[in-house]
Protein backbone atom coordinates (compact mmCIF):
# COMPACT_ATOMS: atom_id res chain seq x y z
CA MET A 1 -6.72 13.93 25.48
CA GLY A 2 -3.33 12.56 24.42
CA ASP A 3 -0.82 10.93 26.74
CA ASP A 4 1.57 13.91 26.66
CA SER A 5 -1.28 16.33 27.44
CA TRP A 6 -2.57 14.12 30.28
CA GLN A 7 0.90 13.75 31.78
CA SER A 8 1.44 17.52 31.54
CA VAL A 9 -1.85 18.31 33.32
CA THR A 10 -1.24 15.62 35.96
CA GLY A 11 2.27 16.89 36.53
CA ARG A 12 1.03 20.45 37.09
CA ARG A 13 -1.63 19.26 39.55
CA LEU A 14 0.90 17.21 41.50
CA ILE A 15 3.16 20.26 41.73
CA ILE A 16 0.22 22.33 43.01
CA ILE A 17 -0.54 19.68 45.67
CA ALA A 18 3.12 19.66 46.74
CA ILE A 19 3.16 23.48 46.96
CA LEU A 20 -0.05 23.47 49.03
CA PHE A 21 1.48 20.95 51.43
CA VAL A 22 4.63 23.06 51.84
CA LEU A 23 2.52 26.18 52.42
CA LEU A 24 0.38 24.35 54.99
CA MET A 25 3.50 23.22 56.87
CA ALA A 26 4.93 26.72 56.71
CA PHE A 27 1.66 28.23 57.96
CA GLY A 28 1.50 25.86 60.93
CA THR A 29 5.18 26.32 61.82
CA ALA A 30 4.94 30.12 61.63
CA GLY A 31 1.69 30.12 63.65
CA TYR A 32 3.15 28.11 66.53
CA MET A 33 6.31 30.21 66.54
CA TYR A 34 4.32 33.45 66.68
CA LEU A 35 1.41 32.45 68.93
CA GLN A 36 3.20 30.08 71.35
CA SER A 37 6.81 31.29 71.10
CA TYR A 38 7.98 27.84 69.99
CA SER A 39 11.41 27.38 68.45
CA PHE A 40 11.49 26.48 64.73
CA VAL A 41 12.09 22.77 65.44
CA GLU A 42 9.35 22.66 68.09
CA ALA A 43 6.88 24.46 65.81
CA PHE A 44 7.74 22.27 62.82
CA TYR A 45 7.38 19.09 64.93
CA MET A 46 4.06 20.29 66.38
CA THR A 47 2.75 21.06 62.88
CA ALA A 48 3.81 17.64 61.62
CA ILE A 49 2.10 15.66 64.40
CA THR A 50 -1.00 17.85 64.16
CA LEU A 51 -1.43 17.43 60.40
CA SER A 52 -0.66 13.71 60.54
CA THR A 53 -3.08 13.29 63.51
CA VAL A 54 -0.74 10.77 65.15
CA GLY A 55 -1.74 12.07 68.63
CA PHE A 56 1.68 12.52 70.24
CA THR A 57 2.01 14.72 73.36
CA GLU A 58 2.23 18.45 72.84
CA VAL A 59 5.70 19.96 72.97
CA ARG A 60 4.53 22.41 75.64
CA PRO A 61 1.07 23.04 77.04
CA LEU A 62 -1.03 25.23 74.73
CA ASP A 63 -3.12 28.17 75.82
CA ASP A 64 -6.59 28.84 74.43
CA THR A 65 -5.18 30.70 71.41
CA GLY A 66 -2.86 27.79 70.65
CA ARG A 67 -5.70 25.28 70.95
CA LEU A 68 -7.91 27.28 68.57
CA PHE A 69 -5.05 27.56 66.11
CA THR A 70 -4.48 23.79 66.37
CA VAL A 71 -8.17 23.14 65.58
CA VAL A 72 -7.94 25.39 62.51
CA LEU A 73 -4.75 23.62 61.42
CA ILE A 74 -6.36 20.18 61.86
CA MET A 75 -9.38 21.23 59.77
CA MET A 76 -7.11 22.55 57.04
CA GLY A 77 -5.03 19.35 57.15
CA VAL A 78 -8.10 17.10 56.97
CA GLY A 79 -9.39 19.10 54.01
CA PHE A 80 -6.04 18.85 52.25
CA VAL A 81 -5.78 15.09 52.82
CA ALA A 82 -9.38 14.54 51.65
CA PHE A 83 -8.73 16.56 48.49
CA SER A 84 -5.50 14.66 47.75
CA LEU A 85 -7.10 11.25 48.31
CA ALA A 86 -10.05 12.15 46.10
CA TYR A 87 -7.74 13.30 43.32
CA PHE A 88 -5.50 10.21 43.39
CA SER A 89 -8.54 7.92 43.66
CA GLN A 90 -9.97 9.53 40.54
CA ILE A 91 -6.72 8.94 38.67
CA LEU A 92 -6.78 5.25 39.63
CA LEU A 93 -10.46 4.86 38.77
CA ASP A 94 -9.98 6.48 35.38
CA GLY A 95 -7.13 4.08 34.69
CA ASN A 96 -4.93 6.91 33.43
CA LEU A 97 -2.11 6.14 35.83
CA LEU A 98 -2.07 2.44 34.93
CA GLU A 99 -2.35 3.26 31.23
CA ALA A 100 0.54 5.71 31.47
CA TYR A 101 2.63 3.03 33.21
CA ARG A 102 1.72 0.47 30.54
CA ARG A 103 2.67 2.85 27.75
CA ARG A 104 5.97 3.73 29.41
CA ARG A 105 6.77 0.04 29.83
CA LEU A 106 5.80 -0.59 26.18
CA LYS A 107 8.10 2.22 25.05
CA GLN A 108 10.98 0.66 26.99
CA GLN A 109 10.34 -2.70 25.32
CA LEU A 110 10.20 -1.10 21.86
CA ASP A 111 13.40 0.86 22.48
CA GLN A 112 15.23 -2.42 23.17
CA LEU A 113 14.05 -4.10 19.95
CA GLU A 114 16.32 -4.47 16.92
CA ASN A 115 16.00 -6.49 13.70
CA HIS A 116 12.35 -7.17 14.45
CA TYR A 117 9.32 -7.20 12.14
CA VAL A 118 6.48 -4.71 12.23
CA VAL A 119 3.11 -6.21 11.24
CA CYS A 120 0.44 -3.71 10.22
CA GLY A 121 -2.99 -5.24 10.74
CA TYR A 122 -3.99 -8.25 12.83
CA GLY A 123 -6.75 -9.74 10.72
CA GLN A 124 -6.83 -13.33 9.46
CA MET A 125 -3.53 -12.98 7.59
CA GLY A 126 -1.90 -10.92 10.32
CA GLN A 127 -2.67 -13.56 12.95
CA ILE A 128 -1.09 -16.33 10.88
CA ILE A 129 1.98 -14.21 10.09
CA VAL A 130 2.54 -13.32 13.74
CA ARG A 131 2.09 -16.94 14.80
CA GLU A 132 4.65 -18.16 12.27
CA LEU A 133 7.18 -15.45 13.16
CA GLN A 134 6.83 -16.28 16.84
CA LYS A 135 7.31 -19.97 16.04
CA PHE A 136 10.77 -19.11 14.69
CA LYS A 137 11.55 -16.82 17.64
CA ILE A 138 11.50 -13.69 15.47
CA PRO A 139 10.54 -10.56 17.46
CA VAL A 140 7.41 -8.86 16.18
CA VAL A 141 5.38 -5.71 16.88
CA VAL A 142 1.78 -5.34 15.70
CA ILE A 143 0.10 -2.04 14.84
CA GLU A 144 -3.69 -2.27 15.10
CA LYS A 145 -6.51 0.25 15.58
CA GLU A 146 -9.61 -1.90 16.24
CA ASP A 147 -10.48 -2.06 19.96
CA ALA A 148 -11.74 -5.66 19.86
CA VAL A 149 -8.56 -6.81 18.12
CA LEU A 150 -6.39 -4.88 20.55
CA LEU A 151 -8.06 -6.75 23.39
CA ARG A 152 -7.11 -10.10 21.80
CA LEU A 153 -3.53 -8.93 21.34
CA LYS A 154 -3.38 -7.91 24.98
CA GLU A 155 -4.79 -11.26 26.13
CA LYS A 156 -2.20 -13.15 24.05
CA GLY A 157 0.64 -11.01 25.35
CA ILE A 158 1.71 -9.89 21.87
CA LEU A 159 3.70 -6.68 21.72
CA HIS A 160 1.51 -4.11 19.98
CA LEU A 161 0.73 -0.46 19.42
CA ALA A 162 -2.78 0.97 19.33
CA GLY A 163 -3.17 3.27 16.35
CA ASP A 164 -3.42 3.68 12.60
CA ALA A 165 -0.49 2.17 10.68
CA THR A 166 -0.83 4.88 8.02
CA ASP A 167 0.32 7.39 10.65
CA GLU A 168 4.07 7.88 10.35
CA THR A 169 4.36 8.48 14.10
CA ASN A 170 3.07 4.98 14.86
CA LEU A 171 5.58 3.42 12.46
CA VAL A 172 8.39 5.35 14.11
CA ASN A 173 7.17 4.34 17.58
CA ALA A 174 7.08 0.69 16.44
CA GLY A 175 10.79 0.98 15.63
CA VAL A 176 10.65 0.75 11.83
CA GLN A 177 14.01 2.51 11.56
CA LYS A 178 15.62 -0.30 13.59
CA ALA A 179 13.47 -3.11 12.18
CA LYS A 180 14.55 -5.76 9.73
CA GLY A 181 11.23 -5.81 7.90
CA LEU A 182 7.63 -4.70 7.74
CA VAL A 183 4.51 -6.63 6.75
CA THR A 184 1.41 -4.69 5.82
CA VAL A 185 -1.84 -6.66 5.58
CA VAL A 186 -4.51 -4.10 6.37
CA ASN A 187 -7.86 -4.39 4.62
CA LYS A 188 -7.55 -1.58 2.06
CA ASP A 189 -5.00 -1.62 -0.77
CA SER A 190 -4.78 2.16 -0.68
CA GLU A 191 -3.72 2.04 2.96
CA ASN A 192 -1.18 -0.69 2.20
CA VAL A 193 0.31 1.51 -0.55
CA PHE A 194 0.54 4.48 1.81
CA ILE A 195 2.17 2.37 4.54
CA VAL A 196 4.72 1.03 2.05
CA LEU A 197 5.57 4.55 0.85
CA THR A 198 5.98 5.84 4.41
CA ALA A 199 8.04 2.87 5.59
CA ARG A 200 10.33 3.02 2.55
CA ASP A 201 10.92 6.70 3.19
CA LEU A 202 11.80 6.00 6.84
CA LYS A 203 14.30 3.23 6.00
CA ARG A 204 15.64 2.67 2.51
CA ASP A 205 16.91 -0.90 3.02
CA LEU A 206 13.85 -2.17 4.91
CA LEU A 207 12.33 -5.49 3.76
CA ILE A 208 8.68 -4.73 3.00
CA PHE A 209 6.07 -7.40 2.35
CA ALA A 210 2.58 -6.33 1.32
CA ARG A 211 -0.78 -7.89 0.55
CA ALA A 212 -2.64 -7.06 -2.65
CA SER A 213 -6.38 -7.66 -2.46
CA THR A 214 -7.46 -6.39 -5.89
CA ALA A 215 -6.18 -6.75 -9.44
CA GLY A 216 -3.46 -4.26 -10.29
CA ALA A 217 -2.70 -3.43 -6.66
CA ASP A 218 0.48 -5.51 -6.79
CA LYS A 219 2.02 -3.17 -9.39
CA ARG A 220 1.20 -0.09 -7.33
CA LEU A 221 2.67 -1.68 -4.20
CA LEU A 222 5.88 -2.62 -6.02
CA LYS A 223 6.20 0.92 -7.40
CA ALA A 224 5.63 2.28 -3.91
CA GLY A 225 8.65 0.33 -2.69
CA ALA A 226 7.45 -3.10 -1.55
CA THR A 227 10.08 -5.85 -1.66
CA ARG A 228 7.53 -8.62 -2.18
CA VAL A 229 3.80 -8.51 -2.87
CA VAL A 230 1.42 -11.39 -2.21
CA SER A 231 -2.10 -11.77 -3.56
CA PRO A 232 -3.83 -14.26 -1.23
CA TYR A 233 -6.70 -14.86 -3.65
CA ALA A 234 -4.39 -15.66 -6.57
CA ILE A 235 -2.22 -17.92 -4.41
CA GLY A 236 -5.28 -19.66 -3.00
CA ALA A 237 -6.65 -20.31 -6.48
CA ILE A 238 -3.31 -21.70 -7.68
CA ARG A 239 -3.04 -23.92 -4.61
CA LEU A 240 -6.53 -25.31 -5.22
CA ALA A 241 -5.67 -26.01 -8.84
CA HIS A 242 -2.47 -27.82 -7.81
CA ASN A 243 -4.43 -29.89 -5.30
CA ILE A 244 -6.59 -31.06 -8.17
CA VAL A 245 -3.82 -31.68 -10.72
CA ARG A 246 -0.95 -32.92 -8.50
CA PRO A 247 -2.29 -33.58 -4.97
CA THR A 248 0.68 -35.71 -3.79
CA VAL A 249 3.23 -33.05 -4.72
CA THR A 250 1.14 -30.42 -2.97
CA ASP A 251 0.86 -32.55 0.18
CA PHE A 252 4.63 -33.06 0.22
CA LEU A 253 5.38 -29.36 -0.17
CA GLU A 254 2.89 -28.45 2.55
CA LEU A 255 4.57 -30.89 4.94
CA ALA A 256 8.03 -29.60 4.05
CA LEU A 257 7.13 -25.93 4.36
CA SER A 258 5.04 -26.24 7.50
CA GLY A 259 7.61 -28.32 9.35
CA GLU A 260 4.83 -30.53 10.70
CA GLY A 261 4.61 -34.26 10.23
CA LEU A 262 7.36 -36.68 9.09
CA GLU A 263 9.93 -34.48 10.90
CA LEU A 264 10.64 -32.92 7.49
CA SER A 265 11.58 -29.31 6.85
CA MET A 266 12.54 -27.19 3.89
CA GLU A 267 14.87 -24.37 4.87
CA GLU A 268 17.04 -21.67 3.33
CA LEU A 269 20.52 -21.37 4.78
CA SER A 270 23.01 -18.62 4.04
CA ILE A 271 26.73 -19.48 3.80
CA PRO A 272 28.90 -16.99 5.74
CA GLU A 273 32.39 -16.00 4.59
CA ASP A 274 34.16 -18.01 7.31
CA SER A 275 32.22 -21.23 6.65
CA LYS A 276 34.06 -24.48 5.91
CA LEU A 277 31.82 -24.89 2.87
CA VAL A 278 33.32 -21.93 0.98
CA GLY A 279 35.44 -23.25 -1.93
CA THR A 280 34.16 -26.82 -1.47
CA ASP A 281 32.04 -28.59 -4.07
CA LEU A 282 28.78 -30.33 -3.28
CA ILE A 283 30.06 -33.92 -3.40
CA ARG A 284 33.02 -33.28 -1.06
CA SER A 285 30.98 -31.23 1.40
CA GLY A 286 29.41 -34.34 2.90
CA ILE A 287 26.00 -32.66 3.10
CA ARG A 288 24.22 -35.70 1.64
CA SER A 289 26.33 -38.46 3.16
CA HIS A 290 26.94 -37.05 6.65
CA TYR A 291 23.79 -35.03 7.28
CA ASP A 292 21.22 -36.78 5.04
CA ILE A 293 20.17 -33.43 3.56
CA ILE A 294 19.17 -32.77 -0.04
CA VAL A 295 20.25 -29.46 -1.60
CA VAL A 296 17.42 -28.56 -3.97
CA ALA A 297 18.83 -25.26 -5.23
CA ILE A 298 21.56 -22.68 -4.71
CA LYS A 299 20.91 -18.95 -4.97
CA ARG A 300 24.05 -16.98 -5.73
CA ALA A 301 24.79 -13.58 -4.22
CA ASP A 302 24.01 -11.95 -7.60
CA GLY A 303 20.53 -13.51 -7.60
CA ALA A 304 21.23 -16.34 -10.05
CA MET A 305 19.38 -19.54 -9.13
CA ILE A 306 20.87 -22.99 -9.73
CA PHE A 307 18.28 -25.76 -9.51
CA ASN A 308 19.28 -29.36 -8.78
CA PRO A 309 22.99 -28.40 -8.55
CA ALA A 310 25.57 -30.81 -9.93
CA SER A 311 27.92 -32.62 -7.56
CA GLN A 312 30.84 -30.47 -8.84
CA GLU A 313 29.06 -27.19 -8.01
CA VAL A 314 31.34 -25.10 -5.75
CA PHE A 315 29.89 -23.18 -2.81
CA ARG A 316 30.66 -19.48 -2.44
CA ALA A 317 30.33 -17.05 0.45
CA GLY A 318 26.90 -15.47 0.39
CA ASP A 319 25.22 -18.42 -1.33
CA ILE A 320 21.78 -19.36 -0.03
CA LEU A 321 21.08 -23.09 0.04
CA ILE A 322 17.53 -24.38 -0.29
CA ALA A 323 17.65 -27.73 1.48
CA ILE A 324 15.26 -30.48 2.56
CA GLY A 325 15.86 -32.76 5.51
CA SER A 326 14.82 -33.57 9.04
CA THR A 327 14.74 -30.70 11.50
CA GLY A 328 17.44 -32.30 13.63
CA ASN A 329 19.81 -32.84 10.68
CA LEU A 330 19.28 -29.31 9.42
CA THR A 331 20.05 -27.93 12.88
CA ARG A 332 23.21 -30.05 13.18
CA PHE A 333 24.31 -29.03 9.70
CA GLY A 334 23.79 -25.38 10.50
CA GLN A 335 25.74 -25.58 13.77
CA GLU A 336 28.70 -27.58 12.44
CA LEU A 337 29.25 -26.14 8.96
CA LEU A 338 27.55 -22.76 8.95
CA GLY A 339 28.33 -21.64 12.49
CA CYS A 340 24.71 -20.95 13.41
CA ARG A 341 24.25 -19.53 16.90
CA PHE A 342 20.46 -19.55 16.78
CA THR A 343 17.91 -22.32 16.69
CA THR A 344 16.32 -20.65 13.71
CA LEU A 345 18.57 -21.52 10.78
CA ARG A 346 17.52 -18.46 8.81
CA HIS A 347 19.60 -16.34 11.19
CA CYS A 348 22.89 -18.01 10.18
């Protein structure tokens, strides 16, 4: 039974319980007014203390008829309370109430998210992707359908949705229409293609990254609308080959890209329109002399890539700098010249 159906049934039963309680109060009040000639307030008060079994003194002494009516009212009240307790206990034991609360709280968290990433699949690749995104303080939501994996996500406190990522409803619930990007790394290429198609239809400018497991799948994913496609087997083979041919270069790049060891990082930094760098050439910018940072390449707004830029190369608004330096220097450079407000330089 779905959440909406369960909430609807529960809501109807709670209304029935409330109606029964009102009817029981009305029955007791009317009985005391008719049998004992109590006023409305006296009869209502007598009914309340009788049903609650608090044991207060009677409003006025009861005759035998009143006492018999009180016994009947007590029995009805005890039966009503027992039924209500049994029903609410069953709800708690089933976990439906707690699950409904968890889902409502999850929906509130998802509604507040913007510019996040949706990760479809939490296998070996999905775990690494989520870990790296969290390292850079990028909000992420995982869509996963395996129960064992969902348990791990819950234990780690990672925001997630239980369901099939090929279902458009789950993508919408994960906030794809407000997201900055989507990563699909489920096991089957056919499912990845379907997810890409659905996500692209939901948001035309969404960044979509997909995994291709078999030969030829990359072309289908790109046609479906993926922004970038990665084949882990091809990349792994190339990396192994590079380790054999040029191991030192590979070690250096791994250190620079991972940000671990030697306090060295390789970052991409976007130049905003109001930056002091706009209209300044590389040599006068002081990037090398003041910040001890090496600009490896510049990517222009039109996509043109300039490798090993000359000292006379002029920076423009919208340029993306690929730079190498210590994490501290890169952070200082971003704050002073690019106006970064975030620790993660990619958000400049």
